[in-house]
Amino acid sequence: MALQQRQIELLSRQCELLTELVSQVSLQQRQRAAELKAWKDANPELARSCRQAAESLAKVHTEFLAGVATEAFDNAENFTDSEYALGEFIDRYGPRLAHFNGVLQLFAQLGAPPAPPPGEG
């Protein structure tokens, strides 16, 4: 009985901690959303430009990824046989892809339309 009681206490504490964690994450997300909204309200033209840039770059990103995927598929056997070939591929595309993803994500976040208030949509 004592073991079961201890397990119940631990589960209860675990639930309390998870509730606190969810509350903290939710608070951080709300603060970030408020900051982003304030920035967009202060810079509406720039926010529109970011949205347009994100839409345009998304097309370029898709084409770029298609090219990288094709090259990876075409050279998969070489990558398996040669660590050098795999390293060359990663060195060639890795940094560019990482930077491209970062820029695209930034434009997408700054240009995203405002989220509807809870309960709408």
PDB file of N, CA and C in Angstrom:
ATOM      1  N   MET A   1       0.809  -1.187   0.000  1.00  0.00           N
ATOM      2  CA  MET A   1       0.000   0.000   0.000  1.00  0.00           C
ATOM      3  C   MET A   1       0.861   1.263   0.000  1.00  0.00           C
ATOM      4  N   ALA A   2       1.917   1.239   0.782  1.00  0.00           N
ATOM      5  CA  ALA A   2       2.789   2.409   0.874  1.00  0.00           C
ATOM      6  C   ALA A   2       3.424   2.713  -0.483  1.00  0.00           C
ATOM      7  N   LEU A   3       3.788   1.666  -1.204  1.00  0.00           N
ATOM      8  CA  LEU A   3       4.392   1.848  -2.530  1.00  0.00           C
ATOM      9  C   LEU A   3       3.397   2.496  -3.490  1.00  0.00           C
ATOM     10  N   GLN A   4       2.165   2.032  -3.467  1.00  0.00           N
ATOM     11  CA  GLN A   4       1.137   2.614  -4.338  1.00  0.00           C
ATOM     12  C   GLN A   4       0.886   4.077  -3.976  1.00  0.00           C
ATOM     13  N   GLN A   5       0.867   4.368  -2.688  1.00  0.00           N
ATOM     14  CA  GLN A   5       0.655   5.751  -2.249  1.00  0.00           C
ATOM     15  C   GLN A   5       1.804   6.636  -2.736  1.00  0.00           C
ATOM     16  N   ARG A   6       3.021   6.112  -2.643  1.00  0.00           N
ATOM     17  CA  ARG A   6       4.204   6.872  -3.099  1.00  0.00           C
ATOM     18  C   ARG A   6       4.130   7.096  -4.609  1.00  0.00           C
ATOM     19  N   GLN A   7       3.709   6.088  -5.357  1.00  0.00           N
ATOM     20  CA  GLN A   7       3.572   6.232  -6.806  1.00  0.00           C
ATOM     21  C   GLN A   7       2.523   7.291  -7.147  1.00  0.00           C
ATOM     22  N   ILE A   8       1.443   7.300  -6.416  1.00  0.00           N
ATOM     23  CA  ILE A   8       0.387   8.298  -6.641  1.00  0.00           C
ATOM     24  C   ILE A   8       0.924   9.702  -6.357  1.00  0.00           C
ATOM     25  N   GLU A   9       1.690   9.841  -5.276  1.00  0.00           N
ATOM     26  CA  GLU A   9       2.276  11.141  -4.941  1.00  0.00           C
ATOM     27  C   GLU A   9       3.234  11.602  -6.037  1.00  0.00           C
ATOM     28  N   LEU A  10       4.062  10.676  -6.520  1.00  0.00           N
ATOM     29  CA  LEU A  10       5.014  11.024  -7.578  1.00  0.00           C
ATOM     30  C   LEU A  10       4.300  11.398  -8.875  1.00  0.00           C
ATOM     31  N   LEU A  11       3.264  10.658  -9.216  1.00  0.00           N
ATOM     32  CA  LEU A  11       2.494  10.984 -10.423  1.00  0.00           C
ATOM     33  C   LEU A  11       1.807  12.336 -10.282  1.00  0.00           C
ATOM     34  N   SER A  12       1.305  12.611  -9.102  1.00  0.00           N
ATOM     35  CA  SER A  12       0.663  13.898  -8.853  1.00  0.00           C
ATOM     36  C   SER A  12       1.676  15.031  -9.012  1.00  0.00           C
ATOM     37  N   ARG A  13       2.864  14.841  -8.449  1.00  0.00           N
ATOM     38  CA  ARG A  13       3.926  15.861  -8.573  1.00  0.00           C
ATOM     39  C   ARG A  13       4.339  16.021 -10.029  1.00  0.00           C
ATOM     40  N   GLN A  14       4.429  14.915 -10.734  1.00  0.00           N
ATOM     41  CA  GLN A  14       4.790  14.963 -12.151  1.00  0.00           C
ATOM     42  C   GLN A  14       3.747  15.766 -12.935  1.00  0.00           C
ATOM     43  N   CYS A  15       2.488  15.567 -12.633  1.00  0.00           N
ATOM     44  CA  CYS A  15       1.413  16.332 -13.287  1.00  0.00           C
ATOM     45  C   CYS A  15       1.526  17.819 -12.969  1.00  0.00           C
ATOM     46  N   GLU A  16       1.849  18.142 -11.727  1.00  0.00           N
ATOM     47  CA  GLU A  16       2.022  19.547 -11.343  1.00  0.00           C
ATOM     48  C   GLU A  16       3.163  20.182 -12.134  1.00  0.00           C
ATOM     49  N   LEU A  17       4.276  19.457 -12.237  1.00  0.00           N
ATOM     50  CA  LEU A  17       5.429  19.978 -12.973  1.00  0.00           C
ATOM     51  C   LEU A  17       5.109  20.160 -14.453  1.00  0.00           C
ATOM     52  N   LEU A  18       4.411  19.203 -15.032  1.00  0.00           N
ATOM     53  CA  LEU A  18       4.029  19.321 -16.440  1.00  0.00           C
ATOM     54  C   LEU A  18       3.083  20.499 -16.656  1.00  0.00           C
ATOM     55  N   THR A  19       2.182  20.714 -15.729  1.00  0.00           N
ATOM     56  CA  THR A  19       1.267  21.855 -15.820  1.00  0.00           C
ATOM     57  C   THR A  19       2.046  23.167 -15.771  1.00  0.00           C
ATOM     58  N   GLU A  20       3.024  23.255 -14.872  1.00  0.00           N
ATOM     59  CA  GLU A  20       3.867  24.448 -14.791  1.00  0.00           C
ATOM     60  C   GLU A  20       4.650  24.654 -16.079  1.00  0.00           C
ATOM     61  N   LEU A  21       5.190  23.572 -16.623  1.00  0.00           N
ATOM     62  CA  LEU A  21       5.961  23.653 -17.861  1.00  0.00           C
ATOM     63  C   LEU A  21       5.095  24.149 -19.014  1.00  0.00           C
ATOM     64  N   VAL A  22       3.910  23.593 -19.147  1.00  0.00           N
ATOM     65  CA  VAL A  22       2.988  24.022 -20.205  1.00  0.00           C
ATOM     66  C   VAL A  22       2.640  25.495 -20.025  1.00  0.00           C
ATOM     67  N   SER A  23       2.438  25.906 -18.807  1.00  0.00           N
ATOM     68  CA  SER A  23       2.113  27.302 -18.525  1.00  0.00           C
ATOM     69  C   SER A  23       3.256  28.222 -18.944  1.00  0.00           C
ATOM     70  N   GLN A  24       4.484  27.833 -18.627  1.00  0.00           N
ATOM     71  CA  GLN A  24       5.656  28.638 -18.990  1.00  0.00           C
ATOM     72  C   GLN A  24       5.812  28.729 -20.501  1.00  0.00           C
ATOM     73  N   VAL A  25       5.705  27.608 -21.174  1.00  0.00           N
ATOM     74  CA  VAL A  25       5.845  27.591 -22.633  1.00  0.00           C
ATOM     75  C   VAL A  25       4.750  28.432 -23.265  1.00  0.00           C
ATOM     76  N   SER A  26       3.547  28.295 -22.759  1.00  0.00           N
ATOM     77  CA  SER A  26       2.419  29.066 -23.276  1.00  0.00           C
ATOM     78  C   SER A  26       2.658  30.559 -23.075  1.00  0.00           C
ATOM     79  N   LEU A  27       3.161  30.940 -21.915  1.00  0.00           N
ATOM     80  CA  LEU A  27       3.452  32.339 -21.630  1.00  0.00           C
ATOM     81  C   LEU A  27       4.514  32.867 -22.594  1.00  0.00           C
ATOM     82  N   GLN A  28       5.566  32.093 -22.813  1.00  0.00           N
ATOM     83  CA  GLN A  28       6.625  32.504 -23.733  1.00  0.00           C
ATOM     84  C   GLN A  28       6.087  32.667 -25.151  1.00  0.00           C
ATOM     85  N   GLN A  29       5.228  31.752 -25.568  1.00  0.00           N
ATOM     86  CA  GLN A  29       4.648  31.849 -26.906  1.00  0.00           C
ATOM     87  C   GLN A  29       3.765  33.087 -27.026  1.00  0.00           C
ATOM     88  N   ARG A  30       2.986  33.376 -26.010  1.00  0.00           N
ATOM     89  CA  ARG A  30       2.130  34.570 -26.042  1.00  0.00           C
ATOM     90  C   ARG A  30       2.973  35.841 -26.079  1.00  0.00           C
ATOM     91  N   GLN A  31       4.058  35.864 -25.289  1.00  0.00           N
ATOM     92  CA  GLN A  31       4.935  37.031 -25.290  1.00  0.00           C
ATOM     93  C   GLN A  31       5.581  37.216 -26.660  1.00  0.00           C
ATOM     94  N   ARG A  32       6.044  36.122 -27.239  1.00  0.00           N
ATOM     95  CA  ARG A  32       6.671  36.190 -28.570  1.00  0.00           C
ATOM     96  C   ARG A  32       5.658  36.657 -29.608  1.00  0.00           C
ATOM     97  N   ALA A  33       4.440  36.150 -29.538  1.00  0.00           N
ATOM     98  CA  ALA A  33       3.393  36.561 -30.478  1.00  0.00           C
ATOM     99  C   ALA A  33       3.074  38.044 -30.310  1.00  0.00           C
ATOM    100  N   ALA A  34       3.045  38.519 -29.078  1.00  0.00           N
ATOM    101  CA  ALA A  34       2.772  39.941 -28.828  1.00  0.00           C
ATOM    102  C   ALA A  34       3.898  40.814 -29.372  1.00  0.00           C
ATOM    103  N   GLU A  35       5.141  40.380 -29.183  1.00  0.00           N
ATOM    104  CA  GLU A  35       6.287  41.125 -29.710  1.00  0.00           C
ATOM    105  C   GLU A  35       6.244  41.174 -31.231  1.00  0.00           C
ATOM    106  N   LEU A  36       5.938  40.042 -31.843  1.00  0.00           N
ATOM    107  CA  LEU A  36       5.872  39.967 -33.299  1.00  0.00           C
ATOM    108  C   LEU A  36       4.747  40.845 -33.836  1.00  0.00           C
ATOM    109  N   LYS A  37       3.606  40.831 -33.162  1.00  0.00           N
ATOM    110  CA  LYS A  37       2.478  41.670 -33.581  1.00  0.00           C
ATOM    111  C   LYS A  37       2.848  43.144 -33.467  1.00  0.00           C
ATOM    112  N   ALA A  38       3.501  43.523 -32.384  1.00  0.00           N
ATOM    113  CA  ALA A  38       3.911  44.919 -32.206  1.00  0.00           C
ATOM    114  C   ALA A  38       4.874  45.333 -33.318  1.00  0.00           C
ATOM    115  N   TRP A  39       5.802  44.446 -33.666  1.00  0.00           N
ATOM    116  CA  TRP A  39       6.748  44.749 -34.741  1.00  0.00           C
ATOM    117  C   TRP A  39       6.015  44.924 -36.064  1.00  0.00           C
ATOM    118  N   LYS A  40       5.080  44.015 -36.359  1.00  0.00           N
ATOM    119  CA  LYS A  40       4.322  44.097 -37.609  1.00  0.00           C
ATOM    120  C   LYS A  40       3.470  45.358 -37.650  1.00  0.00           C
ATOM    121  N   ASP A  41       2.871  45.721 -36.521  1.00  0.00           N
ATOM    122  CA  ASP A  41       2.068  46.944 -36.457  1.00  0.00           C
ATOM    123  C   ASP A  41       2.935  48.182 -36.689  1.00  0.00           C
ATOM    124  N   ALA A  42       4.166  48.144 -36.201  1.00  0.00           N
ATOM    125  CA  ALA A  42       5.081  49.273 -36.365  1.00  0.00           C
ATOM    126  C   ALA A  42       5.718  49.305 -37.752  1.00  0.00           C
ATOM    127  N   ASN A  43       5.736  48.167 -38.442  1.00  0.00           N
ATOM    128  CA  ASN A  43       6.402  48.055 -39.747  1.00  0.00           C
ATOM    129  C   ASN A  43       5.517  47.338 -40.762  1.00  0.00           C
ATOM    130  N   PRO A  44       4.335  47.844 -41.050  1.00  0.00           N
ATOM    131  CA  PRO A  44       3.414  47.101 -41.925  1.00  0.00           C
ATOM    132  C   PRO A  44       3.943  46.890 -43.345  1.00  0.00           C
ATOM    133  N   GLU A  45       4.622  47.887 -43.894  1.00  0.00           N
ATOM    134  CA  GLU A  45       5.156  47.741 -45.257  1.00  0.00           C
ATOM    135  C   GLU A  45       6.260  46.686 -45.290  1.00  0.00           C
ATOM    136  N   LEU A  46       7.122  46.720 -44.294  1.00  0.00           N
ATOM    137  CA  LEU A  46       8.197  45.732 -44.231  1.00  0.00           C
ATOM    138  C   LEU A  46       7.628  44.334 -44.023  1.00  0.00           C
ATOM    139  N   ALA A  47       6.583  44.219 -43.218  1.00  0.00           N
ATOM    140  CA  ALA A  47       5.944  42.913 -43.016  1.00  0.00           C
ATOM    141  C   ALA A  47       5.375  42.392 -44.336  1.00  0.00           C
ATOM    142  N   ARG A  48       4.748  43.276 -45.122  1.00  0.00           N
ATOM    143  CA  ARG A  48       4.226  42.863 -46.437  1.00  0.00           C
ATOM    144  C   ARG A  48       5.362  42.442 -47.365  1.00  0.00           C
ATOM    145  N   SER A  49       6.451  43.202 -47.336  1.00  0.00           N
ATOM    146  CA  SER A  49       7.612  42.854 -48.162  1.00  0.00           C
ATOM    147  C   SER A  49       8.188  41.497 -47.754  1.00  0.00           C
ATOM    148  N   CYS A  50       8.228  41.246 -46.457  1.00  0.00           N
ATOM    149  CA  CYS A  50       8.726  39.950 -45.972  1.00  0.00           C
ATOM    150  C   CYS A  50       7.827  38.815 -46.449  1.00  0.00           C
ATOM    151  N   ARG A  51       6.513  39.032 -46.438  1.00  0.00           N
ATOM    152  CA  ARG A  51       5.578  38.006 -46.903  1.00  0.00           C
ATOM    153  C   ARG A  51       5.806  37.730 -48.390  1.00  0.00           C
ATOM    154  N   GLN A  52       5.969  38.785 -49.182  1.00  0.00           N
ATOM    155  CA  GLN A  52       6.213  38.612 -50.616  1.00  0.00           C
ATOM    156  C   GLN A  52       7.543  37.907 -50.859  1.00  0.00           C
ATOM    157  N   ALA A  53       8.558  38.290 -50.096  1.00  0.00           N
ATOM    158  CA  ALA A  53       9.867  37.648 -50.232  1.00  0.00           C
ATOM    159  C   ALA A  53       9.778  36.169 -49.874  1.00  0.00           C
ATOM    160  N   ALA A  54       9.053  35.857 -48.816  1.00  0.00           N
ATOM    161  CA  ALA A  54       8.904  34.454 -48.403  1.00  0.00           C
ATOM    162  C   ALA A  54       8.213  33.647 -49.488  1.00  0.00           C
ATOM    163  N   GLU A  55       7.174  34.210 -50.082  1.00  0.00           N
ATOM    164  CA  GLU A  55       6.458  33.495 -51.146  1.00  0.00           C
ATOM    165  C   GLU A  55       7.358  33.266 -52.352  1.00  0.00           C
ATOM    166  N   SER A  56       8.121  34.278 -52.741  1.00  0.00           N
ATOM    167  CA  SER A  56       9.021  34.138 -53.888  1.00  0.00           C
ATOM    168  C   SER A  56      10.147  33.159 -53.594  1.00  0.00           C
ATOM    169  N   LEU A  57      10.749  33.305 -52.419  1.00  0.00           N
ATOM    170  CA  LEU A  57      11.861  32.426 -52.063  1.00  0.00           C
ATOM    171  C   LEU A  57      11.416  30.985 -51.860  1.00  0.00           C
ATOM    172  N   ALA A  58      10.174  30.775 -51.471  1.00  0.00           N
ATOM    173  CA  ALA A  58       9.679  29.405 -51.293  1.00  0.00           C
ATOM    174  C   ALA A  58       9.740  28.647 -52.615  1.00  0.00           C
ATOM    175  N   LYS A  59       9.445  29.327 -53.705  1.00  0.00           N
ATOM    176  CA  LYS A  59       9.523  28.687 -55.026  1.00  0.00           C
ATOM    177  C   LYS A  59      10.971  28.348 -55.368  1.00  0.00           C
ATOM    178  N   VAL A  60      11.864  29.290 -55.123  1.00  0.00           N
ATOM    179  CA  VAL A  60      13.289  29.055 -55.382  1.00  0.00           C
ATOM    180  C   VAL A  60      13.794  27.924 -54.490  1.00  0.00           C
ATOM    181  N   HIS A  61      13.363  27.926 -53.238  1.00  0.00           N
ATOM    182  CA  HIS A  61      13.764  26.898 -52.274  1.00  0.00           C
ATOM    183  C   HIS A  61      13.339  25.513 -52.758  1.00  0.00           C
ATOM    184  N   THR A  62      12.131  25.422 -53.278  1.00  0.00           N
ATOM    185  CA  THR A  62      11.631  24.142 -53.784  1.00  0.00           C
ATOM    186  C   THR A  62      12.493  23.648 -54.936  1.00  0.00           C
ATOM    187  N   GLU A  63      12.830  24.538 -55.853  1.00  0.00           N
ATOM    188  CA  GLU A  63      13.681  24.157 -56.984  1.00  0.00           C
ATOM    189  C   GLU A  63      15.073  23.748 -56.508  1.00  0.00           C
ATOM    190  N   PHE A  64      15.612  24.502 -55.560  1.00  0.00           N
ATOM    191  CA  PHE A  64      16.928  24.186 -55.019  1.00  0.00           C
ATOM    192  C   PHE A  64      16.921  22.810 -54.356  1.00  0.00           C
ATOM    193  N   LEU A  65      15.900  22.549 -53.534  1.00  0.00           N
ATOM    194  CA  LEU A  65      15.790  21.246 -52.872  1.00  0.00           C
ATOM    195  C   LEU A  65      15.646  20.117 -53.884  1.00  0.00           C
ATOM    196  N   ALA A  66      14.899  20.363 -54.944  1.00  0.00           N
ATOM    197  CA  ALA A  66      14.739  19.337 -55.979  1.00  0.00           C
ATOM    198  C   ALA A  66      16.087  19.005 -56.597  1.00  0.00           C
ATOM    199  N   GLY A  67      16.895  20.013 -56.859  1.00  0.00           N
ATOM    200  CA  GLY A  67      18.227  19.781 -57.415  1.00  0.00           C
ATOM    201  C   GLY A  67      19.127  19.020 -56.456  1.00  0.00           C
ATOM    202  N   VAL A  68      19.093  19.392 -55.193  1.00  0.00           N
ATOM    203  CA  VAL A  68      19.905  18.703 -54.180  1.00  0.00           C
ATOM    204  C   VAL A  68      19.445  17.255 -54.044  1.00  0.00           C
ATOM    205  N   ALA A  69      18.142  17.046 -54.025  1.00  0.00           N
ATOM    206  CA  ALA A  69      17.604  15.686 -53.898  1.00  0.00           C
ATOM    207  C   ALA A  69      17.998  14.832 -55.093  1.00  0.00           C
ATOM    208  N   THR A  70      17.936  15.405 -56.283  1.00  0.00           N
ATOM    209  CA  THR A  70      18.322  14.659 -57.485  1.00  0.00           C
ATOM    210  C   THR A  70      19.789  14.278 -57.420  1.00  0.00           C
ATOM    211  N   GLU A  71      20.630  15.233 -57.044  1.00  0.00           N
ATOM    212  CA  GLU A  71      22.061  14.931 -56.950  1.00  0.00           C
ATOM    213  C   GLU A  71      22.331  13.876 -55.874  1.00  0.00           C
ATOM    214  N   ALA A  72      21.631  13.962 -54.754  1.00  0.00           N
ATOM    215  CA  ALA A  72      21.808  12.965 -53.693  1.00  0.00           C
ATOM    216  C   ALA A  72      21.398  11.586 -54.189  1.00  0.00           C
ATOM    217  N   PHE A  73      20.283  11.508 -54.885  1.00  0.00           N
ATOM    218  CA  PHE A  73      19.817  10.225 -55.419  1.00  0.00           C
ATOM    219  C   PHE A  73      20.809   9.674 -56.437  1.00  0.00           C
ATOM    220  N   ASP A  74      21.256  10.536 -57.342  1.00  0.00           N
ATOM    221  CA  ASP A  74      22.176  10.101 -58.398  1.00  0.00           C
ATOM    222  C   ASP A  74      23.513   9.631 -57.844  1.00  0.00           C
ATOM    223  N   ASN A  75      23.922  10.164 -56.700  1.00  0.00           N
ATOM    224  CA  ASN A  75      25.241   9.848 -56.149  1.00  0.00           C
ATOM    225  C   ASN A  75      25.192   9.019 -54.875  1.00  0.00           C
ATOM    226  N   ALA A  76      24.043   8.472 -54.542  1.00  0.00           N
ATOM    227  CA  ALA A  76      23.896   7.731 -53.286  1.00  0.00           C
ATOM    228  C   ALA A  76      24.916   6.608 -53.162  1.00  0.00           C
ATOM    229  N   GLU A  77      25.156   5.900 -54.241  1.00  0.00           N
ATOM    230  CA  GLU A  77      26.120   4.791 -54.193  1.00  0.00           C
ATOM    231  C   GLU A  77      27.523   5.314 -53.913  1.00  0.00           C
ATOM    232  N   ASN A  78      27.880   6.443 -54.526  1.00  0.00           N
ATOM    233  CA  ASN A  78      29.194   7.041 -54.266  1.00  0.00           C
ATOM    234  C   ASN A  78      29.321   7.455 -52.805  1.00  0.00           C
ATOM    235  N   PHE A  79      28.238   7.972 -52.230  1.00  0.00           N
ATOM    236  CA  PHE A  79      28.275   8.402 -50.837  1.00  0.00           C
ATOM    237  C   PHE A  79      28.488   7.213 -49.910  1.00  0.00           C
ATOM    238  N   THR A  80      27.904   6.075 -50.270  1.00  0.00           N
ATOM    239  CA  THR A  80      28.060   4.871 -49.466  1.00  0.00           C
ATOM    240  C   THR A  80      29.496   4.364 -49.533  1.00  0.00           C
ATOM    241  N   ASP A  81      30.084   4.463 -50.712  1.00  0.00           N
ATOM    242  CA  ASP A  81      31.434   3.936 -50.923  1.00  0.00           C
ATOM    243  C   ASP A  81      32.534   4.911 -50.518  1.00  0.00           C
ATOM    244  N   SER A  82      32.234   6.192 -50.549  1.00  0.00           N
ATOM    245  CA  SER A  82      33.282   7.183 -50.338  1.00  0.00           C
ATOM    246  C   SER A  82      32.854   8.241 -49.327  1.00  0.00           C
ATOM    247  N   GLU A  83      33.533   8.233 -48.211  1.00  0.00           N
ATOM    248  CA  GLU A  83      33.267   9.255 -47.205  1.00  0.00           C
ATOM    249  C   GLU A  83      33.639  10.632 -47.746  1.00  0.00           C
ATOM    250  N   TYR A  84      34.648  10.671 -48.603  1.00  0.00           N
ATOM    251  CA  TYR A  84      35.062  11.933 -49.216  1.00  0.00           C
ATOM    252  C   TYR A  84      33.937  12.517 -50.069  1.00  0.00           C
ATOM    253  N   ALA A  85      33.296  11.682 -50.889  1.00  0.00           N
ATOM    254  CA  ALA A  85      32.207  12.158 -51.747  1.00  0.00           C
ATOM    255  C   ALA A  85      31.047  12.683 -50.905  1.00  0.00           C
ATOM    256  N   LEU A  86      30.726  11.975 -49.838  1.00  0.00           N
ATOM    257  CA  LEU A  86      29.651  12.428 -48.955  1.00  0.00           C
ATOM    258  C   LEU A  86      30.021  13.759 -48.304  1.00  0.00           C
ATOM    259  N   GLY A  87      31.259  13.863 -47.845  1.00  0.00           N
ATOM    260  CA  GLY A  87      31.725  15.115 -47.243  1.00  0.00           C
ATOM    261  C   GLY A  87      31.672  16.277 -48.220  1.00  0.00           C
ATOM    262  N   GLU A  88      32.070  16.026 -49.450  1.00  0.00           N
ATOM    263  CA  GLU A  88      32.008  17.065 -50.486  1.00  0.00           C
ATOM    264  C   GLU A  88      30.571  17.524 -50.720  1.00  0.00           C
ATOM    265  N   PHE A  89      29.657  16.575 -50.768  1.00  0.00           N
ATOM    266  CA  PHE A  89      28.243  16.896 -50.981  1.00  0.00           C
ATOM    267  C   PHE A  89      27.717  17.757 -49.831  1.00  0.00           C
ATOM    268  N   ILE A  90      28.014  17.337 -48.610  1.00  0.00           N
ATOM    269  CA  ILE A  90      27.548  18.081 -47.435  1.00  0.00           C
ATOM    270  C   ILE A  90      28.189  19.463 -47.380  1.00  0.00           C
ATOM    271  N   ASP A  91      29.497  19.533 -47.667  1.00  0.00           N
ATOM    272  CA  ASP A  91      30.174  20.830 -47.668  1.00  0.00           C
ATOM    273  C   ASP A  91      29.605  21.755 -48.740  1.00  0.00           C
ATOM    274  N   ARG A  92      29.245  21.170 -49.860  1.00  0.00           N
ATOM    275  CA  ARG A  92      28.734  21.974 -50.975  1.00  0.00           C
ATOM    276  C   ARG A  92      27.341  22.523 -50.685  1.00  0.00           C
ATOM    277  N   TYR A  93      26.468  21.677 -50.142  1.00  0.00           N
ATOM    278  CA  TYR A  93      25.069  22.080 -49.987  1.00  0.00           C
ATOM    279  C   TYR A  93      24.649  22.402 -48.555  1.00  0.00           C
ATOM    280  N   GLY A  94      25.308  21.817 -47.586  1.00  0.00           N
ATOM    281  CA  GLY A  94      24.875  21.979 -46.199  1.00  0.00           C
ATOM    282  C   GLY A  94      24.780  23.419 -45.730  1.00  0.00           C
ATOM    283  N   PRO A  95      25.879  24.187 -45.805  1.00  0.00           N
ATOM    284  CA  PRO A  95      25.804  25.570 -45.327  1.00  0.00           C
ATOM    285  C   PRO A  95      24.796  26.415 -46.107  1.00  0.00           C
ATOM    286  N   ARG A  96      24.783  26.262 -47.413  1.00  0.00           N
ATOM    287  CA  ARG A  96      23.854  27.044 -48.228  1.00  0.00           C
ATOM    288  C   ARG A  96      22.415  26.715 -47.861  1.00  0.00           C
ATOM    289  N   LEU A  97      22.139  25.426 -47.688  1.00  0.00           N
ATOM    290  CA  LEU A  97      20.784  25.002 -47.339  1.00  0.00           C
ATOM    291  C   LEU A  97      20.393  25.514 -45.949  1.00  0.00           C
ATOM    292  N   ALA A  98      21.310  25.438 -45.010  1.00  0.00           N
ATOM    293  CA  ALA A  98      21.027  25.923 -43.653  1.00  0.00           C
ATOM    294  C   ALA A  98      20.746  27.426 -43.657  1.00  0.00           C
ATOM    295  N   HIS A  99      21.559  28.183 -44.374  1.00  0.00           N
ATOM    296  CA  HIS A  99      21.354  29.635 -44.440  1.00  0.00           C
ATOM    297  C   HIS A  99      20.058  29.968 -45.167  1.00  0.00           C
ATOM    298  N   PHE A 100      19.808  29.259 -46.248  1.00  0.00           N
ATOM    299  CA  PHE A 100      18.585  29.484 -47.025  1.00  0.00           C
ATOM    300  C   PHE A 100      17.362  29.217 -46.151  1.00  0.00           C
ATOM    301  N   ASN A 101      17.393  28.097 -45.424  1.00  0.00           N
ATOM    302  CA  ASN A 101      16.276  27.769 -44.531  1.00  0.00           C
ATOM    303  C   ASN A 101      16.070  28.861 -43.485  1.00  0.00           C
ATOM    304  N   GLY A 102      17.165  29.366 -42.930  1.00  0.00           N
ATOM    305  CA  GLY A 102      17.068  30.413 -41.919  1.00  0.00           C
ATOM    306  C   GLY A 102      16.460  31.694 -42.465  1.00  0.00           C
ATOM    307  N   VAL A 103      16.909  32.110 -43.644  1.00  0.00           N
ATOM    308  CA  VAL A 103      16.374  33.325 -44.262  1.00  0.00           C
ATOM    309  C   VAL A 103      14.902  33.140 -44.597  1.00  0.00           C
ATOM    310  N   LEU A 104      14.569  31.994 -45.167  1.00  0.00           N
ATOM    311  CA  LEU A 104      13.177  31.722 -45.528  1.00  0.00           C
ATOM    312  C   LEU A 104      12.284  31.712 -44.288  1.00  0.00           C
ATOM    313  N   GLN A 105      12.755  31.094 -43.224  1.00  0.00           N
ATOM    314  CA  GLN A 105      11.974  31.047 -41.983  1.00  0.00           C
ATOM    315  C   GLN A 105      11.783  32.449 -41.403  1.00  0.00           C
ATOM    316  N   LEU A 106      12.825  33.259 -41.443  1.00  0.00           N
ATOM    317  CA  LEU A 106      12.728  34.627 -40.934  1.00  0.00           C
ATOM    318  C   LEU A 106      11.682  35.420 -41.709  1.00  0.00           C
ATOM    319  N   PHE A 107      11.765  35.392 -43.040  1.00  0.00           N
ATOM    320  CA  PHE A 107      10.780  36.106 -43.854  1.00  0.00           C
ATOM    321  C   PHE A 107       9.371  35.578 -43.605  1.00  0.00           C
ATOM    322  N   ALA A 108       9.248  34.265 -43.486  1.00  0.00           N
ATOM    323  CA  ALA A 108       7.924  33.671 -43.267  1.00  0.00           C
ATOM    324  C   ALA A 108       7.337  34.124 -41.931  1.00  0.00           C
ATOM    325  N   GLN A 109       8.148  34.154 -40.887  1.00  0.00           N
ATOM    326  CA  GLN A 109       7.649  34.580 -39.576  1.00  0.00           C
ATOM    327  C   GLN A 109       7.297  36.058 -39.560  1.00  0.00           C
ATOM    328  N   LEU A 110       8.172  36.883 -40.124  1.00  0.00           N
ATOM    329  CA  LEU A 110       7.929  38.322 -40.100  1.00  0.00           C
ATOM    330  C   LEU A 110       6.787  38.724 -41.024  1.00  0.00           C
ATOM    331  N   GLY A 111       6.549  37.932 -42.058  1.00  0.00           N
ATOM    332  CA  GLY A 111       5.506  38.273 -43.010  1.00  0.00           C
ATOM    333  C   GLY A 111       4.216  37.509 -42.839  1.00  0.00           C
ATOM    334  N   ALA A 112       4.162  36.617 -41.864  1.00  0.00           N
ATOM    335  CA  ALA A 112       2.953  35.803 -41.672  1.00  0.00           C
ATOM    336  C   ALA A 112       1.786  36.684 -41.262  1.00  0.00           C
ATOM    337  N   PRO A 113       0.605  36.391 -41.797  1.00  0.00           N
ATOM    338  CA  PRO A 113      -0.563  37.157 -41.358  1.00  0.00           C
ATOM    339  C   PRO A 113      -0.823  36.882 -39.881  1.00  0.00           C
ATOM    340  N   PRO A 114      -1.437  37.834 -39.189  1.00  0.00           N
ATOM    341  CA  PRO A 114      -1.692  37.618 -37.764  1.00  0.00           C
ATOM    342  C   PRO A 114      -2.610  36.428 -37.544  1.00  0.00           C
ATOM    343  N   ALA A 115      -2.340  35.709 -36.480  1.00  0.00           N
ATOM    344  CA  ALA A 115      -3.171  34.549 -36.137  1.00  0.00           C
ATOM    345  C   ALA A 115      -4.518  35.045 -35.635  1.00  0.00           C
ATOM    346  N   PRO A 116      -5.590  34.327 -35.963  1.00  0.00           N
ATOM    347  CA  PRO A 116      -6.897  34.737 -35.447  1.00  0.00           C
ATOM    348  C   PRO A 116      -6.939  34.551 -33.934  1.00  0.00           C
ATOM    349  N   PRO A 117      -7.698  35.385 -33.243  1.00  0.00           N
ATOM    350  CA  PRO A 117      -7.810  35.221 -31.788  1.00  0.00           C
ATOM    351  C   PRO A 117      -8.378  33.849 -31.452  1.00  0.00           C
ATOM    352  N   PRO A 118      -8.045  33.319 -30.272  1.00  0.00           N
ATOM    353  CA  PRO A 118      -8.574  32.010 -29.882  1.00  0.00           C
ATOM    354  C   PRO A 118     -10.098  32.005 -29.950  1.00  0.00           C
ATOM    355  N   GLY A 119     -10.632  30.911 -30.450  1.00  0.00           N
ATOM    356  CA  GLY A 119     -12.077  30.780 -30.561  1.00  0.00           C
ATOM    357  C   GLY A 119     -12.602  31.156 -31.930  1.00  0.00           C
ATOM    358  N   GLU A 120     -11.765  31.815 -32.754  1.00  0.00           N
ATOM    359  CA  GLU A 120     -12.177  32.157 -34.114  1.00  0.00           C
ATOM    360  C   GLU A 120     -11.486  31.221 -35.083  1.00  0.00           C
ATOM    361  N   GLY A 121     -12.033  31.067 -36.282  1.00  0.00           N
ATOM    362  CA  GLY A 121     -11.378  30.299 -37.332  1.00  0.00           C
ATOM    363  C   GLY A 121     -11.809  28.946 -37.349  1.00  0.00           C
TER     364      GLY A 121
END
